[in-house]
Amino acid sequence: MRLSFPLVAGAVVIGVISGNVIFGPPLQKYWAEKQQQEAAKDGQSGPTQ
């Protein structure tokens, strides 16, 4: 079976959209927490020079 370009492009679009719907909110929450931890760590260490 030979895959046509429109079929592959449609599958990619569907995959990206469904991936964002499924994994988007947990990833945003993870990165927000990660940034808060980094900011807290940077704030605690203070200037090193």
PDB file of N, CA and C in Angstrom:
ATOM      1  N   MET A   1       0.842  -1.185   0.000  1.00  0.00           N
ATOM      2  CA  MET A   1       0.000   0.000   0.000  1.00  0.00           C
ATOM      3  C   MET A   1       0.882   1.242   0.000  1.00  0.00           C
ATOM      4  N   ARG A   2       0.591   2.134  -0.894  1.00  0.00           N
ATOM      5  CA  ARG A   2       1.366   3.366  -1.009  1.00  0.00           C
ATOM      6  C   ARG A   2       0.604   4.500  -0.334  1.00  0.00           C
ATOM      7  N   LEU A   3       1.300   5.227   0.550  1.00  0.00           N
ATOM      8  CA  LEU A   3       0.657   6.323   1.261  1.00  0.00           C
ATOM      9  C   LEU A   3       0.780   7.608   0.461  1.00  0.00           C
ATOM     10  N   SER A   4      -0.325   8.297   0.322  1.00  0.00           N
ATOM     11  CA  SER A   4      -0.308   9.565  -0.396  1.00  0.00           C
ATOM     12  C   SER A   4       0.040  10.705   0.565  1.00  0.00           C
ATOM     13  N   PHE A   5       0.552  11.768   0.010  1.00  0.00           N
ATOM     14  CA  PHE A   5       0.937  12.917   0.822  1.00  0.00           C
ATOM     15  C   PHE A   5      -0.237  13.501   1.614  1.00  0.00           C
ATOM     16  N   PRO A   6      -1.410  13.708   1.018  1.00  0.00           N
ATOM     17  CA  PRO A   6      -2.533  14.252   1.805  1.00  0.00           C
ATOM     18  C   PRO A   6      -2.933  13.350   2.970  1.00  0.00           C
ATOM     19  N   LEU A   7      -2.839  12.044   2.779  1.00  0.00           N
ATOM     20  CA  LEU A   7      -3.176  11.121   3.860  1.00  0.00           C
ATOM     21  C   LEU A   7      -2.187  11.261   5.015  1.00  0.00           C
ATOM     22  N   VAL A   8      -0.919  11.311   4.696  1.00  0.00           N
ATOM     23  CA  VAL A   8       0.115  11.451   5.726  1.00  0.00           C
ATOM     24  C   VAL A   8       0.003  12.810   6.410  1.00  0.00           C
ATOM     25  N   ALA A   9      -0.198  13.872   5.633  1.00  0.00           N
ATOM     26  CA  ALA A   9      -0.326  15.209   6.209  1.00  0.00           C
ATOM     27  C   ALA A   9      -1.536  15.286   7.143  1.00  0.00           C
ATOM     28  N   GLY A  10      -2.641  14.692   6.740  1.00  0.00           N
ATOM     29  CA  GLY A  10      -3.828  14.676   7.599  1.00  0.00           C
ATOM     30  C   GLY A  10      -3.587  13.918   8.887  1.00  0.00           C
ATOM     31  N   ALA A  11      -2.888  12.800   8.798  1.00  0.00           N
ATOM     32  CA  ALA A  11      -2.585  12.012   9.997  1.00  0.00           C
ATOM     33  C   ALA A  11      -1.678  12.794  10.943  1.00  0.00           C
ATOM     34  N   VAL A  12      -0.724  13.520  10.392  1.00  0.00           N
ATOM     35  CA  VAL A  12       0.174  14.326  11.225  1.00  0.00           C
ATOM     36  C   VAL A  12      -0.602  15.432  11.932  1.00  0.00           C
ATOM     37  N   VAL A  13      -1.475  16.099  11.213  1.00  0.00           N
ATOM     38  CA  VAL A  13      -2.268  17.177  11.814  1.00  0.00           C
ATOM     39  C   VAL A  13      -3.145  16.628  12.932  1.00  0.00           C
ATOM     40  N   ILE A  14      -3.807  15.517  12.680  1.00  0.00           N
ATOM     41  CA  ILE A  14      -4.655  14.904  13.706  1.00  0.00           C
ATOM     42  C   ILE A  14      -3.816  14.493  14.913  1.00  0.00           C
ATOM     43  N   GLY A  15      -2.640  13.939  14.675  1.00  0.00           N
ATOM     44  CA  GLY A  15      -1.764  13.529  15.771  1.00  0.00           C
ATOM     45  C   GLY A  15      -1.288  14.696  16.610  1.00  0.00           C
ATOM     46  N   VAL A  16      -0.919  15.782  15.968  1.00  0.00           N
ATOM     47  CA  VAL A  16      -0.441  16.954  16.705  1.00  0.00           C
ATOM     48  C   VAL A  16      -1.563  17.567  17.532  1.00  0.00           C
ATOM     49  N   ILE A  17      -2.735  17.694  16.935  1.00  0.00           N
ATOM     50  CA  ILE A  17      -3.864  18.288  17.661  1.00  0.00           C
ATOM     51  C   ILE A  17      -4.270  17.415  18.844  1.00  0.00           C
ATOM     52  N   SER A  18      -4.392  16.113  18.618  1.00  0.00           N
ATOM     53  CA  SER A  18      -4.796  15.240  19.722  1.00  0.00           C
ATOM     54  C   SER A  18      -3.708  15.182  20.789  1.00  0.00           C
ATOM     55  N   GLY A  19      -2.447  15.239  20.393  1.00  0.00           N
ATOM     56  CA  GLY A  19      -1.356  15.260  21.373  1.00  0.00           C
ATOM     57  C   GLY A  19      -1.407  16.501  22.239  1.00  0.00           C
ATOM     58  N   ASN A  20      -1.707  17.648  21.631  1.00  0.00           N
ATOM     59  CA  ASN A  20      -1.826  18.878  22.409  1.00  0.00           C
ATOM     60  C   ASN A  20      -3.003  18.816  23.366  1.00  0.00           C
ATOM     61  N   VAL A  21      -4.101  18.220  22.925  1.00  0.00           N
ATOM     62  CA  VAL A  21      -5.281  18.123  23.787  1.00  0.00           C
ATOM     63  C   VAL A  21      -5.002  17.187  24.964  1.00  0.00           C
ATOM     64  N   ILE A  22      -4.346  16.066  24.696  1.00  0.00           N
ATOM     65  CA  ILE A  22      -4.107  15.070  25.738  1.00  0.00           C
ATOM     66  C   ILE A  22      -2.974  15.489  26.670  1.00  0.00           C
ATOM     67  N   PHE A  23      -1.848  15.921  26.101  1.00  0.00           N
ATOM     68  CA  PHE A  23      -0.653  16.162  26.904  1.00  0.00           C
ATOM     69  C   PHE A  23      -0.387  17.629  27.195  1.00  0.00           C
ATOM     70  N   GLY A  24      -1.131  18.543  26.598  1.00  0.00           N
ATOM     71  CA  GLY A  24      -0.877  19.968  26.776  1.00  0.00           C
ATOM     72  C   GLY A  24      -1.004  20.452  28.207  1.00  0.00           C
ATOM     73  N   PRO A  25      -2.154  20.278  28.854  1.00  0.00           N
ATOM     74  CA  PRO A  25      -2.313  20.793  30.217  1.00  0.00           C
ATOM     75  C   PRO A  25      -1.322  20.205  31.226  1.00  0.00           C
ATOM     76  N   PRO A  26      -1.073  18.877  31.241  1.00  0.00           N
ATOM     77  CA  PRO A  26      -0.083  18.369  32.195  1.00  0.00           C
ATOM     78  C   PRO A  26       1.323  18.911  31.934  1.00  0.00           C
ATOM     79  N   LEU A  27       1.688  19.079  30.670  1.00  0.00           N
ATOM     80  CA  LEU A  27       3.018  19.616  30.367  1.00  0.00           C
ATOM     81  C   LEU A  27       3.130  21.074  30.784  1.00  0.00           C
ATOM     82  N   GLN A  28       2.083  21.854  30.571  1.00  0.00           N
ATOM     83  CA  GLN A  28       2.124  23.256  30.996  1.00  0.00           C
ATOM     84  C   GLN A  28       2.261  23.354  32.510  1.00  0.00           C
ATOM     85  N   LYS A  29       1.543  22.500  33.229  1.00  0.00           N
ATOM     86  CA  LYS A  29       1.638  22.493  34.688  1.00  0.00           C
ATOM     87  C   LYS A  29       3.043  22.098  35.126  1.00  0.00           C
ATOM     88  N   TYR A  30       3.608  21.082  34.483  1.00  0.00           N
ATOM     89  CA  TYR A  30       4.957  20.616  34.827  1.00  0.00           C
ATOM     90  C   TYR A  30       5.978  21.729  34.627  1.00  0.00           C
ATOM     91  N   TRP A  31       5.917  22.402  33.469  1.00  0.00           N
ATOM     92  CA  TRP A  31       6.916  23.432  33.192  1.00  0.00           C
ATOM     93  C   TRP A  31       6.720  24.646  34.086  1.00  0.00           C
ATOM     94  N   ALA A  32       5.491  24.965  34.465  1.00  0.00           N
ATOM     95  CA  ALA A  32       5.257  26.077  35.387  1.00  0.00           C
ATOM     96  C   ALA A  32       5.880  25.766  36.745  1.00  0.00           C
ATOM     97  N   GLU A  33       5.702  24.533  37.232  1.00  0.00           N
ATOM     98  CA  GLU A  33       6.304  24.136  38.504  1.00  0.00           C
ATOM     99  C   GLU A  33       7.825  24.125  38.408  1.00  0.00           C
ATOM    100  N   LYS A  34       8.338  23.658  37.283  1.00  0.00           N
ATOM    101  CA  LYS A  34       9.788  23.607  37.078  1.00  0.00           C
ATOM    102  C   LYS A  34      10.374  25.017  37.099  1.00  0.00           C
ATOM    103  N   GLN A  35       9.709  25.968  36.451  1.00  0.00           N
ATOM    104  CA  GLN A  35      10.193  27.349  36.444  1.00  0.00           C
ATOM    105  C   GLN A  35      10.147  27.954  37.841  1.00  0.00           C
ATOM    106  N   GLN A  36       9.116  27.622  38.620  1.00  0.00           N
ATOM    107  CA  GLN A  36       9.037  28.126  39.987  1.00  0.00           C
ATOM    108  C   GLN A  36      10.174  27.571  40.828  1.00  0.00           C
ATOM    109  N   GLN A  37      10.490  26.290  40.653  1.00  0.00           N
ATOM    110  CA  GLN A  37      11.595  25.687  41.400  1.00  0.00           C
ATOM    111  C   GLN A  37      12.919  26.334  41.022  1.00  0.00           C
ATOM    112  N   GLU A  38      13.124  26.574  39.732  1.00  0.00           N
ATOM    113  CA  GLU A  38      14.362  27.213  39.283  1.00  0.00           C
ATOM    114  C   GLU A  38      14.462  28.635  39.840  1.00  0.00           C
ATOM    115  N   ALA A  39      13.352  29.358  39.833  1.00  0.00           N
ATOM    116  CA  ALA A  39      13.358  30.724  40.349  1.00  0.00           C
ATOM    117  C   ALA A  39      13.642  30.720  41.847  1.00  0.00           C
ATOM    118  N   ALA A  40      13.071  29.772  42.570  1.00  0.00           N
ATOM    119  CA  ALA A  40      13.310  29.683  44.008  1.00  0.00           C
ATOM    120  C   ALA A  40      14.768  29.329  44.282  1.00  0.00           C
ATOM    121  N   LYS A  41      15.309  28.417  43.489  1.00  0.00           N
ATOM    122  CA  LYS A  41      16.701  28.015  43.673  1.00  0.00           C
ATOM    123  C   LYS A  41      17.638  29.189  43.376  1.00  0.00           C
ATOM    124  N   ASP A  42      17.353  29.939  42.321  1.00  0.00           N
ATOM    125  CA  ASP A  42      18.176  31.096  41.977  1.00  0.00           C
ATOM    126  C   ASP A  42      18.059  32.180  43.046  1.00  0.00           C
ATOM    127  N   GLY A  43      16.885  32.344  43.599  1.00  0.00           N
ATOM    128  CA  GLY A  43      16.682  33.350  44.637  1.00  0.00           C
ATOM    129  C   GLY A  43      17.389  32.996  45.927  1.00  0.00           C
ATOM    130  N   GLN A  44      17.469  31.720  46.264  1.00  0.00           N
ATOM    131  CA  GLN A  44      18.117  31.283  47.498  1.00  0.00           C
ATOM    132  C   GLN A  44      19.630  31.372  47.401  1.00  0.00           C
ATOM    133  N   SER A  45      20.180  31.076  46.234  1.00  0.00           N
ATOM    134  CA  SER A  45      21.635  31.055  46.097  1.00  0.00           C
ATOM    135  C   SER A  45      22.217  32.463  46.138  1.00  0.00           C
ATOM    136  N   GLY A  46      21.469  33.447  45.659  1.00  0.00           N
ATOM    137  CA  GLY A  46      21.945  34.818  45.669  1.00  0.00           C
ATOM    138  C   GLY A  46      23.083  35.019  44.683  1.00  0.00           C
ATOM    139  N   PRO A  47      23.629  36.214  44.651  1.00  0.00           N
ATOM    140  CA  PRO A  47      24.741  36.473  43.729  1.00  0.00           C
ATOM    141  C   PRO A  47      26.008  35.761  44.195  1.00  0.00           C
ATOM    142  N   THR A  48      26.739  35.227  43.252  1.00  0.00           N
ATOM    143  CA  THR A  48      27.941  34.461  43.594  1.00  0.00           C
ATOM    144  C   THR A  48      29.208  35.272  43.403  1.00  0.00           C
ATOM    145  N   GLN A  49      29.090  36.491  42.872  1.00  0.00           N
ATOM    146  CA  GLN A  49      30.301  37.276  42.624  1.00  0.00           C
ATOM    147  C   GLN A  49      30.563  38.265  43.706  1.00  0.00           C
TER     148      GLN A  49
END
